[in-house]
C-alpha atoms as a PDB file:
ATOM      1  CA  MET A   1      -0.220   0.122   0.204  1.00  0.00           C
ATOM      2  CA  SER A   2       1.681   3.249  -0.663  1.00  0.00           C
ATOM      3  CA  ASN A   3       1.414   6.125   1.183  1.00  0.00           C
ATOM      4  CA  GLY A   4      -1.615   8.310  -1.093  1.00  0.00           C
ATOM      5  CA  ASP A   5      -3.868   5.118  -0.325  1.00  0.00           C
ATOM      6  CA  ALA A   6      -2.650   5.331   3.579  1.00  0.00           C
ATOM      7  CA  GLN A   7      -3.507   8.861   3.382  1.00  0.00           C
ATOM      8  CA  GLY A   8      -6.989   8.224   1.571  1.00  0.00           C
ATOM      9  CA  GLU A   9      -7.791   5.324   3.888  1.00  0.00           C
ATOM     10  CA  ILE A  10      -7.026   7.962   7.043  1.00  0.00           C
ATOM     11  CA  VAL A  11      -9.444  10.599   5.799  1.00  0.00           C
ATOM     12  CA  LYS A  12     -12.195   7.423   4.741  1.00  0.00           C
ATOM     13  CA  LEU A  13     -11.993   6.642   8.115  1.00  0.00           C
ATOM     14  CA  GLN A  14     -11.789   9.813   9.431  1.00  0.00           C
ATOM     15  CA  GLN A  15     -15.284  11.003   7.819  1.00  0.00           C
ATOM     16  CA  HIS A  16     -16.913   7.577   8.377  1.00  0.00           C
ATOM     17  CA  LEU A  17     -16.014   8.197  12.272  1.00  0.00           C
ATOM     18  CA  VAL A  18     -17.412  11.678  12.460  1.00  0.00           C
ATOM     19  CA  LEU A  19     -20.229   9.989  10.851  1.00  0.00           C
ATOM     20  CA  LEU A  20     -20.817   7.690  13.342  1.00  0.00           C
ATOM     21  CA  ARG A  21     -20.075  10.072  16.443  1.00  0.00           C
ATOM     22  CA  GLU A  22     -23.127  13.052  14.663  1.00  0.00           C
ATOM     23  CA  GLU A  23     -25.608   9.763  13.930  1.00  0.00           C
ATOM     24  CA  TYR A  24     -24.638   9.139  17.801  1.00  0.00           C
ATOM     25  CA  VAL A  25     -24.796  12.121  19.089  1.00  0.00           C
ATOM     26  CA  LYS A  26     -28.647  12.994  17.243  1.00  0.00           C
ATOM     27  CA  LEU A  27     -29.606   9.348  18.699  1.00  0.00           C
ATOM     28  CA  GLN A  28     -28.493  10.805  22.523  1.00  0.00           C
ATOM     29  CA  GLN A  29     -31.129  13.359  21.529  1.00  0.00           C
ATOM     30  CA  ARG A  30     -33.771  11.294  20.854  1.00  0.00           C
ATOM     31  CA  TYR A  31     -33.118   9.457  23.720  1.00  0.00           C
ATOM     32  CA  LYS A  32     -33.410  11.793  26.246  1.00  0.00           C
ATOM     33  CA  THR A  33     -36.355  13.569  24.677  1.00  0.00           C
ATOM     34  CA  LEU A  34     -38.078   8.956  24.551  1.00  0.00           C
ATOM     35  CA  GLU A  35     -37.302   9.046  28.110  1.00  0.00           C
ATOM     36  CA  LYS A  36     -38.596  12.557  28.976  1.00  0.00           C
ATOM     37  CA  ASN A  37     -41.486  12.347  26.942  1.00  0.00           C
ATOM     38  CA  TYR A  38     -41.641   8.295  29.597  1.00  0.00           C
ATOM     39  CA  ASN A  39     -41.455   9.967  32.787  1.00  0.00           C
ATOM     40  CA  ILE A  40     -44.154  12.375  32.722  1.00  0.00           C
ATOM     41  CA  LEU A  41     -46.441   9.956  30.846  1.00  0.00           C
ATOM     42  CA  ASN A  42     -45.533   7.989  33.858  1.00  0.00           C
ATOM     43  CA  THR A  43     -45.416  10.413  36.679  1.00  0.00           C
ATOM     44  CA  THR A  44     -49.009  11.952  35.510  1.00  0.00           C
ATOM     45  CA  THR A  45     -50.485   8.642  34.635  1.00  0.00           C
ATOM     46  CA  LYS A  46     -52.774   7.081  37.154  1.00  0.00           C
ATOM     47  CA  LEU A  47     -52.992   3.335  35.487  1.00  0.00           C
ATOM     48  CA  ASP A  48     -54.934   0.491  35.638  1.00  0.00           C
ATOM     49  CA  GLN A  49     -52.040  -1.995  36.204  1.00  0.00           C
ATOM     50  CA  GLU A  50     -53.775  -3.891  33.020  1.00  0.00           C
ATOM     51  CA  SER A  51     -54.899  -1.066  30.424  1.00  0.00           C
ATOM     52  CA  PHE A  52     -53.289  -0.669  27.214  1.00  0.00           C
ATOM     53  CA  VAL A  53     -51.342   2.272  28.030  1.00  0.00           C
ATOM     54  CA  CYS A  54     -49.544   0.620  30.715  1.00  0.00           C
ATOM     55  CA  ARG A  55     -49.085  -2.945  29.240  1.00  0.00           C
ATOM     56  CA  LEU A  56     -47.733  -0.152  26.148  1.00  0.00           C
ATOM     57  CA  LEU A  57     -45.412   1.365  28.420  1.00  0.00           C
ATOM     58  CA  LYS A  58     -44.191  -2.169  29.958  1.00  0.00           C
ATOM     59  CA  THR A  59     -43.225  -3.524  26.580  1.00  0.00           C
ATOM     60  CA  VAL A  60     -41.196  -0.974  25.376  1.00  0.00           C
ATOM     61  CA  ALA A  61     -39.306  -0.699  28.933  1.00  0.00           C
ATOM     62  CA  ASP A  62     -38.708  -4.560  27.673  1.00  0.00           C
ATOM     63  CA  LEU A  63     -37.832  -3.967  24.917  1.00  0.00           C
ATOM     64  CA  PHE A  64     -35.139  -0.434  25.440  1.00  0.00           C
ATOM     65  CA  ASN A  65     -31.617  -3.025  26.559  1.00  0.00           C
ATOM     66  CA  ARG A  66     -32.364  -5.467  24.366  1.00  0.00           C
ATOM     67  CA  GLU A  67     -29.747  -5.692  21.001  1.00  0.00           C
ATOM     68  CA  LEU A  68     -32.210  -7.352  18.628  1.00  0.00           C
ATOM     69  CA  TYR A  69     -34.202  -3.683  19.517  1.00  0.00           C
END
C-alpha cells in the first residue's frame, strides 16, 4: 500500500468516524426526548395495571435494553 493510498484510507476512516459521531449525538438527543416523555407520562398518569397504555409502557421498557430492539 503506497503512502497516498494510506492517506486516502485515513481520510475515509476519519469521515466515517465523523458520521458515526453525528448519528450517535442524534440518537442521544432522541433518547433524552423519549426518556423525558416517558417520565412525564409515567408520573402524570395513574393507570390500571391492565390498561393499554400501561401494557405499552411495560413493553417499551422491556425492549429498551435489548440489542435486537
